Amino acid sequence: MNAVAVAALLQVVISLGVTVFQIAIASGAPWGEYTMGGQNTGVLPRSLRIGAAVSAVIMLAQAGHYLAQAGVLTPLLSPDWNTVVNWAWFAFTLVGLIMNSISRSKKERNLWVPVLLVSTVCTLLVALN
């Protein structure tokens, strides 16, 4: 297995882990300090829980995309669109890394910066391929 496939599969694991986290948040897990700026302690307000549910769907789509990049699934996109989406996912993770790096919540920074750093490297490796 080459480095790009390993990076894609690692990104799948990250995406699925984030999906589980977002589903837990959407279901009322009291982890508000670890997400969305960390300004809400305990259970997030309903509107932010809806946002977490939307995020879970987005992360599932990302997992599917990277399973295709690793050769586990058949790609749904043409090679040109696949390249565009690879770079879009890289930009998405880079923005997430920046936003979580400047979060006022130490708990959010401590949890997500390492995850997003690995995610950014993985998505970059796939995009460069």
N, C-alpha and C. Protein backbone atom coordinates (compact mmCIF):
# COMPACT_ATOMS: atom_id res chain seq x y z
N MET A 1 0.85 -1.18 0.00
CA MET A 1 0.00 0.00 0.00
C MET A 1 0.89 1.24 0.00
N ASN A 2 0.59 2.19 -0.88
CA ASN A 2 1.42 3.39 -0.96
C ASN A 2 1.00 4.44 0.07
N ALA A 3 1.81 5.48 0.19
CA ALA A 3 1.60 6.52 1.20
C ALA A 3 0.29 7.26 1.01
N VAL A 4 -0.11 7.45 -0.24
CA VAL A 4 -1.36 8.17 -0.51
C VAL A 4 -2.55 7.35 -0.01
N ALA A 5 -2.54 6.05 -0.25
CA ALA A 5 -3.62 5.19 0.23
C ALA A 5 -3.66 5.17 1.76
N VAL A 6 -2.50 5.13 2.39
CA VAL A 6 -2.44 5.16 3.85
C VAL A 6 -3.01 6.48 4.37
N ALA A 7 -2.62 7.59 3.74
CA ALA A 7 -3.14 8.90 4.14
C ALA A 7 -4.65 8.96 3.96
N ALA A 8 -5.15 8.42 2.85
CA ALA A 8 -6.60 8.42 2.61
C ALA A 8 -7.32 7.59 3.66
N LEU A 9 -6.78 6.42 4.00
CA LEU A 9 -7.42 5.58 5.01
C LEU A 9 -7.35 6.20 6.40
N LEU A 10 -6.25 6.86 6.71
CA LEU A 10 -6.16 7.56 7.99
C LEU A 10 -7.20 8.68 8.03
N GLN A 11 -7.39 9.36 6.91
CA GLN A 11 -8.41 10.40 6.85
C GLN A 11 -9.81 9.82 7.04
N VAL A 12 -10.05 8.63 6.53
CA VAL A 12 -11.33 7.95 6.75
C VAL A 12 -11.55 7.73 8.24
N VAL A 13 -10.54 7.24 8.93
CA VAL A 13 -10.65 7.00 10.38
C VAL A 13 -10.96 8.31 11.10
N ILE A 14 -10.25 9.38 10.74
CA ILE A 14 -10.49 10.68 11.35
C ILE A 14 -11.92 11.14 11.07
N SER A 15 -12.34 11.04 9.81
CA SER A 15 -13.69 11.47 9.43
C SER A 15 -14.76 10.71 10.21
N LEU A 16 -14.58 9.42 10.34
CA LEU A 16 -15.56 8.62 11.07
C LEU A 16 -15.55 8.94 12.56
N GLY A 17 -14.37 9.20 13.11
CA GLY A 17 -14.29 9.62 14.52
C GLY A 17 -15.01 10.94 14.75
N VAL A 18 -14.81 11.89 13.84
CA VAL A 18 -15.48 13.18 13.96
C VAL A 18 -16.99 12.99 13.79
N THR A 19 -17.39 12.10 12.90
CA THR A 19 -18.82 11.81 12.71
C THR A 19 -19.44 11.32 14.01
N VAL A 20 -18.78 10.40 14.67
CA VAL A 20 -19.30 9.87 15.94
C VAL A 20 -19.39 11.00 16.97
N PHE A 21 -18.38 11.83 17.05
CA PHE A 21 -18.39 12.97 17.97
C PHE A 21 -19.57 13.89 17.67
N GLN A 22 -19.77 14.22 16.39
CA GLN A 22 -20.85 15.13 16.01
C GLN A 22 -22.22 14.53 16.28
N ILE A 23 -22.37 13.24 16.05
CA ILE A 23 -23.64 12.57 16.36
C ILE A 23 -23.90 12.62 17.87
N ALA A 24 -22.86 12.40 18.65
CA ALA A 24 -23.01 12.48 20.11
C ALA A 24 -23.43 13.89 20.53
N ILE A 25 -22.78 14.90 19.96
CA ILE A 25 -23.13 16.30 20.27
C ILE A 25 -24.59 16.57 19.88
N ALA A 26 -24.95 16.14 18.66
CA ALA A 26 -26.32 16.36 18.17
C ALA A 26 -27.35 15.65 19.04
N SER A 27 -26.94 14.55 19.65
CA SER A 27 -27.83 13.76 20.50
C SER A 27 -27.89 14.27 21.93
N GLY A 28 -27.10 15.30 22.23
CA GLY A 28 -27.17 15.89 23.56
C GLY A 28 -26.01 15.60 24.49
N ALA A 29 -24.91 15.06 23.96
CA ALA A 29 -23.73 14.85 24.81
C ALA A 29 -23.28 16.20 25.37
N PRO A 30 -22.90 16.26 26.63
CA PRO A 30 -22.55 17.53 27.27
C PRO A 30 -21.10 17.97 27.02
N TRP A 31 -20.75 18.07 25.75
CA TRP A 31 -19.37 18.39 25.37
C TRP A 31 -19.24 19.73 24.66
N GLY A 32 -20.10 20.66 25.00
CA GLY A 32 -20.10 21.95 24.32
C GLY A 32 -18.77 22.68 24.36
N GLU A 33 -18.00 22.48 25.41
CA GLU A 33 -16.70 23.16 25.53
C GLU A 33 -15.67 22.67 24.52
N TYR A 34 -15.97 21.55 23.86
CA TYR A 34 -15.03 20.94 22.93
C TYR A 34 -15.36 21.24 21.47
N THR A 35 -16.34 22.09 21.24
CA THR A 35 -16.76 22.32 19.86
C THR A 35 -17.37 23.71 19.68
N MET A 36 -17.39 24.15 18.45
CA MET A 36 -18.05 25.39 18.04
C MET A 36 -17.65 26.59 18.90
N GLY A 37 -16.37 26.73 19.10
CA GLY A 37 -15.84 27.85 19.86
C GLY A 37 -15.77 27.63 21.35
N GLY A 38 -16.34 26.53 21.83
CA GLY A 38 -16.26 26.19 23.24
C GLY A 38 -17.00 27.13 24.17
N GLN A 39 -17.89 27.94 23.61
CA GLN A 39 -18.58 28.95 24.42
C GLN A 39 -19.78 28.40 25.19
N ASN A 40 -20.18 27.18 24.86
CA ASN A 40 -21.31 26.56 25.53
C ASN A 40 -20.82 25.39 26.37
N THR A 41 -21.04 25.46 27.67
CA THR A 41 -20.69 24.32 28.50
C THR A 41 -21.89 23.38 28.51
N GLY A 42 -21.61 22.12 28.64
CA GLY A 42 -22.68 21.13 28.68
C GLY A 42 -23.29 20.89 27.31
N VAL A 43 -24.59 20.67 27.30
CA VAL A 43 -25.32 20.36 26.07
C VAL A 43 -25.45 21.64 25.24
N LEU A 44 -25.21 21.51 23.93
CA LEU A 44 -25.35 22.65 23.04
C LEU A 44 -26.82 23.03 22.85
N PRO A 45 -27.08 24.30 22.55
CA PRO A 45 -28.45 24.69 22.20
C PRO A 45 -28.92 23.94 20.95
N ARG A 46 -30.21 23.85 20.76
CA ARG A 46 -30.80 23.08 19.66
C ARG A 46 -30.22 23.48 18.31
N SER A 47 -30.08 24.77 18.04
CA SER A 47 -29.58 25.21 16.73
C SER A 47 -28.16 24.69 16.47
N LEU A 48 -27.33 24.67 17.49
CA LEU A 48 -25.96 24.16 17.31
C LEU A 48 -25.94 22.64 17.22
N ARG A 49 -26.89 21.98 17.87
CA ARG A 49 -26.99 20.52 17.73
C ARG A 49 -27.41 20.16 16.31
N ILE A 50 -28.27 20.97 15.70
CA ILE A 50 -28.63 20.76 14.30
C ILE A 50 -27.39 20.94 13.42
N GLY A 51 -26.59 21.95 13.73
CA GLY A 51 -25.32 22.15 13.01
C GLY A 51 -24.40 20.95 13.14
N ALA A 52 -24.36 20.36 14.32
CA ALA A 52 -23.54 19.17 14.54
C ALA A 52 -24.04 18.00 13.69
N ALA A 53 -25.35 17.87 13.56
CA ALA A 53 -25.92 16.80 12.73
C ALA A 53 -25.54 17.01 11.26
N VAL A 54 -25.60 18.24 10.81
CA VAL A 54 -25.19 18.55 9.43
C VAL A 54 -23.71 18.24 9.25
N SER A 55 -22.90 18.59 10.22
CA SER A 55 -21.47 18.30 10.17
C SER A 55 -21.22 16.80 10.10
N ALA A 56 -22.01 16.01 10.81
CA ALA A 56 -21.85 14.56 10.78
C ALA A 56 -22.09 14.03 9.36
N VAL A 57 -23.09 14.56 8.69
CA VAL A 57 -23.38 14.13 7.31
C VAL A 57 -22.22 14.52 6.39
N ILE A 58 -21.70 15.72 6.57
CA ILE A 58 -20.55 16.17 5.75
C ILE A 58 -19.35 15.27 5.98
N MET A 59 -19.10 14.90 7.23
CA MET A 59 -17.95 14.05 7.53
C MET A 59 -18.14 12.64 6.98
N LEU A 60 -19.37 12.15 6.95
CA LEU A 60 -19.62 10.85 6.32
C LEU A 60 -19.32 10.92 4.83
N ALA A 61 -19.72 12.02 4.20
CA ALA A 61 -19.41 12.20 2.78
C ALA A 61 -17.90 12.23 2.57
N GLN A 62 -17.19 12.89 3.47
CA GLN A 62 -15.74 12.93 3.37
C GLN A 62 -15.14 11.53 3.50
N ALA A 63 -15.65 10.75 4.43
CA ALA A 63 -15.16 9.38 4.60
C ALA A 63 -15.36 8.58 3.32
N GLY A 64 -16.52 8.72 2.70
CA GLY A 64 -16.77 8.02 1.45
C GLY A 64 -15.83 8.45 0.34
N HIS A 65 -15.57 9.74 0.26
CA HIS A 65 -14.65 10.25 -0.75
C HIS A 65 -13.25 9.65 -0.57
N TYR A 66 -12.78 9.63 0.67
CA TYR A 66 -11.42 9.11 0.90
C TYR A 66 -11.35 7.58 0.81
N LEU A 67 -12.46 6.89 1.04
CA LEU A 67 -12.47 5.45 0.76
C LEU A 67 -12.27 5.22 -0.74
N ALA A 68 -12.86 6.09 -1.56
CA ALA A 68 -12.64 5.98 -3.01
C ALA A 68 -11.20 6.33 -3.37
N GLN A 69 -10.62 7.30 -2.69
CA GLN A 69 -9.24 7.68 -2.96
C GLN A 69 -8.28 6.55 -2.61
N ALA A 70 -8.65 5.75 -1.62
CA ALA A 70 -7.81 4.63 -1.20
C ALA A 70 -8.04 3.39 -2.06
N GLY A 71 -9.04 3.45 -2.94
CA GLY A 71 -9.32 2.32 -3.81
C GLY A 71 -10.28 1.30 -3.22
N VAL A 72 -10.87 1.63 -2.08
CA VAL A 72 -11.82 0.72 -1.44
C VAL A 72 -13.19 0.80 -2.13
N LEU A 73 -13.59 2.02 -2.50
CA LEU A 73 -14.84 2.24 -3.22
C LEU A 73 -14.53 2.75 -4.62
N THR A 74 -15.49 2.61 -5.50
CA THR A 74 -15.36 3.16 -6.85
C THR A 74 -15.63 4.66 -6.79
N PRO A 75 -14.73 5.49 -7.33
CA PRO A 75 -14.97 6.93 -7.33
C PRO A 75 -16.26 7.29 -8.09
N LEU A 76 -17.02 8.21 -7.55
CA LEU A 76 -18.24 8.68 -8.21
C LEU A 76 -17.96 9.86 -9.13
N LEU A 77 -16.82 10.48 -8.97
CA LEU A 77 -16.49 11.69 -9.70
C LEU A 77 -15.51 11.41 -10.84
N SER A 78 -15.56 12.28 -11.84
CA SER A 78 -14.56 12.21 -12.90
C SER A 78 -13.20 12.60 -12.31
N PRO A 79 -12.11 12.24 -12.98
CA PRO A 79 -10.79 12.60 -12.44
C PRO A 79 -10.63 14.11 -12.21
N ASP A 80 -11.17 14.93 -13.11
CA ASP A 80 -11.05 16.39 -12.92
C ASP A 80 -11.79 16.86 -11.68
N TRP A 81 -13.02 16.40 -11.51
CA TRP A 81 -13.79 16.78 -10.33
C TRP A 81 -13.20 16.18 -9.07
N ASN A 82 -12.66 15.01 -9.18
CA ASN A 82 -12.01 14.38 -8.04
C ASN A 82 -10.87 15.25 -7.53
N THR A 83 -10.09 15.79 -8.45
CA THR A 83 -8.99 16.69 -8.08
C THR A 83 -9.52 17.93 -7.38
N VAL A 84 -10.59 18.50 -7.91
CA VAL A 84 -11.20 19.69 -7.30
C VAL A 84 -11.65 19.38 -5.88
N VAL A 85 -12.31 18.26 -5.71
CA VAL A 85 -12.83 17.89 -4.38
C VAL A 85 -11.67 17.60 -3.42
N ASN A 86 -10.61 16.97 -3.90
CA ASN A 86 -9.45 16.73 -3.04
C ASN A 86 -8.89 18.05 -2.50
N TRP A 87 -8.77 19.04 -3.35
CA TRP A 87 -8.26 20.33 -2.90
C TRP A 87 -9.27 21.05 -2.01
N ALA A 88 -10.56 20.87 -2.29
CA ALA A 88 -11.59 21.48 -1.44
C ALA A 88 -11.55 20.89 -0.03
N TRP A 89 -11.39 19.56 0.06
CA TRP A 89 -11.29 18.93 1.39
C TRP A 89 -10.03 19.40 2.11
N PHE A 90 -8.94 19.56 1.38
CA PHE A 90 -7.72 20.08 2.00
C PHE A 90 -7.99 21.48 2.57
N ALA A 91 -8.62 22.35 1.76
CA ALA A 91 -8.93 23.70 2.23
C ALA A 91 -9.84 23.67 3.45
N PHE A 92 -10.82 22.77 3.43
CA PHE A 92 -11.76 22.60 4.55
C PHE A 92 -11.00 22.25 5.83
N THR A 93 -10.09 21.31 5.74
CA THR A 93 -9.35 20.89 6.94
C THR A 93 -8.37 21.98 7.39
N LEU A 94 -7.78 22.67 6.43
CA LEU A 94 -6.85 23.76 6.78
C LEU A 94 -7.59 24.88 7.50
N VAL A 95 -8.75 25.26 7.00
CA VAL A 95 -9.55 26.29 7.68
C VAL A 95 -9.95 25.81 9.07
N GLY A 96 -10.35 24.55 9.18
CA GLY A 96 -10.68 23.99 10.50
C GLY A 96 -9.51 24.05 11.45
N LEU A 97 -8.31 23.74 10.95
CA LEU A 97 -7.10 23.81 11.77
C LEU A 97 -6.85 25.24 12.25
N ILE A 98 -6.98 26.19 11.36
CA ILE A 98 -6.76 27.59 11.73
C ILE A 98 -7.79 28.04 12.75
N MET A 99 -9.06 27.75 12.49
CA MET A 99 -10.13 28.19 13.38
C MET A 99 -10.00 27.56 14.78
N ASN A 100 -9.67 26.29 14.82
CA ASN A 100 -9.52 25.64 16.12
C ASN A 100 -8.25 26.09 16.83
N SER A 101 -7.24 26.49 16.07
CA SER A 101 -6.00 26.99 16.68
C SER A 101 -6.21 28.32 17.39
N ILE A 102 -7.18 29.09 16.93
CA ILE A 102 -7.43 30.40 17.55
C ILE A 102 -8.63 30.39 18.48
N SER A 103 -9.20 29.23 18.71
CA SER A 103 -10.35 29.12 19.61
C SER A 103 -9.97 29.60 21.01
N ARG A 104 -10.89 30.26 21.66
CA ARG A 104 -10.67 30.70 23.04
C ARG A 104 -10.77 29.53 24.02
N SER A 105 -11.34 28.43 23.54
CA SER A 105 -11.51 27.26 24.40
C SER A 105 -10.25 26.39 24.37
N LYS A 106 -9.60 26.30 25.51
CA LYS A 106 -8.41 25.46 25.60
C LYS A 106 -8.77 24.00 25.35
N LYS A 107 -9.92 23.57 25.83
CA LYS A 107 -10.35 22.18 25.63
C LYS A 107 -10.54 21.89 24.14
N GLU A 108 -11.16 22.83 23.43
CA GLU A 108 -11.36 22.65 21.99
C GLU A 108 -10.01 22.61 21.27
N ARG A 109 -9.12 23.54 21.59
CA ARG A 109 -7.79 23.56 20.96
C ARG A 109 -7.05 22.26 21.22
N ASN A 110 -7.03 21.83 22.48
CA ASN A 110 -6.28 20.62 22.83
C ASN A 110 -6.82 19.37 22.14
N LEU A 111 -8.12 19.32 21.93
CA LEU A 111 -8.71 18.16 21.27
C LEU A 111 -8.52 18.21 19.76
N TRP A 112 -8.87 19.34 19.13
CA TRP A 112 -8.99 19.37 17.68
C TRP A 112 -7.74 19.78 16.92
N VAL A 113 -6.86 20.56 17.50
CA VAL A 113 -5.66 20.97 16.74
C VAL A 113 -4.82 19.75 16.33
N PRO A 114 -4.52 18.81 17.24
CA PRO A 114 -3.75 17.64 16.78
C PRO A 114 -4.49 16.83 15.72
N VAL A 115 -5.79 16.64 15.91
CA VAL A 115 -6.59 15.88 14.94
C VAL A 115 -6.55 16.57 13.58
N LEU A 116 -6.78 17.87 13.58
CA LEU A 116 -6.83 18.61 12.32
C LEU A 116 -5.45 18.77 11.69
N LEU A 117 -4.41 18.76 12.48
CA LEU A 117 -3.06 18.80 11.92
C LEU A 117 -2.80 17.53 11.11
N VAL A 118 -3.13 16.38 11.69
CA VAL A 118 -2.98 15.11 10.98
C VAL A 118 -3.89 15.08 9.75
N SER A 119 -5.12 15.54 9.92
CA SER A 119 -6.09 15.57 8.82
C SER A 119 -5.60 16.46 7.68
N THR A 120 -5.04 17.60 8.01
CA THR A 120 -4.54 18.51 6.98
C THR A 120 -3.39 17.88 6.20
N VAL A 121 -2.49 17.21 6.89
CA VAL A 121 -1.39 16.52 6.21
C VAL A 121 -1.93 15.41 5.31
N CYS A 122 -2.86 14.64 5.82
CA CYS A 122 -3.43 13.54 5.01
C CYS A 122 -4.12 14.06 3.77
N THR A 123 -4.95 15.07 3.93
CA THR A 123 -5.68 15.59 2.76
C THR A 123 -4.74 16.24 1.77
N LEU A 124 -3.67 16.86 2.25
CA LEU A 124 -2.68 17.44 1.35
C LEU A 124 -1.96 16.34 0.56
N LEU A 125 -1.57 15.28 1.23
CA LEU A 125 -0.91 14.18 0.53
C LEU A 125 -1.79 13.60 -0.58
N VAL A 126 -3.07 13.44 -0.29
CA VAL A 126 -3.98 12.91 -1.30
C VAL A 126 -4.16 13.92 -2.43
N ALA A 127 -4.32 15.19 -2.10
CA ALA A 127 -4.52 16.21 -3.12
C ALA A 127 -3.31 16.35 -4.05
N LEU A 128 -2.13 16.18 -3.51
CA LEU A 128 -0.91 16.29 -4.33
C LEU A 128 -0.72 15.12 -5.28
N ASN A 129 -1.39 14.02 -5.00
CA ASN A 129 -1.22 12.82 -5.83
C ASN A 129 -1.90 13.00 -7.18
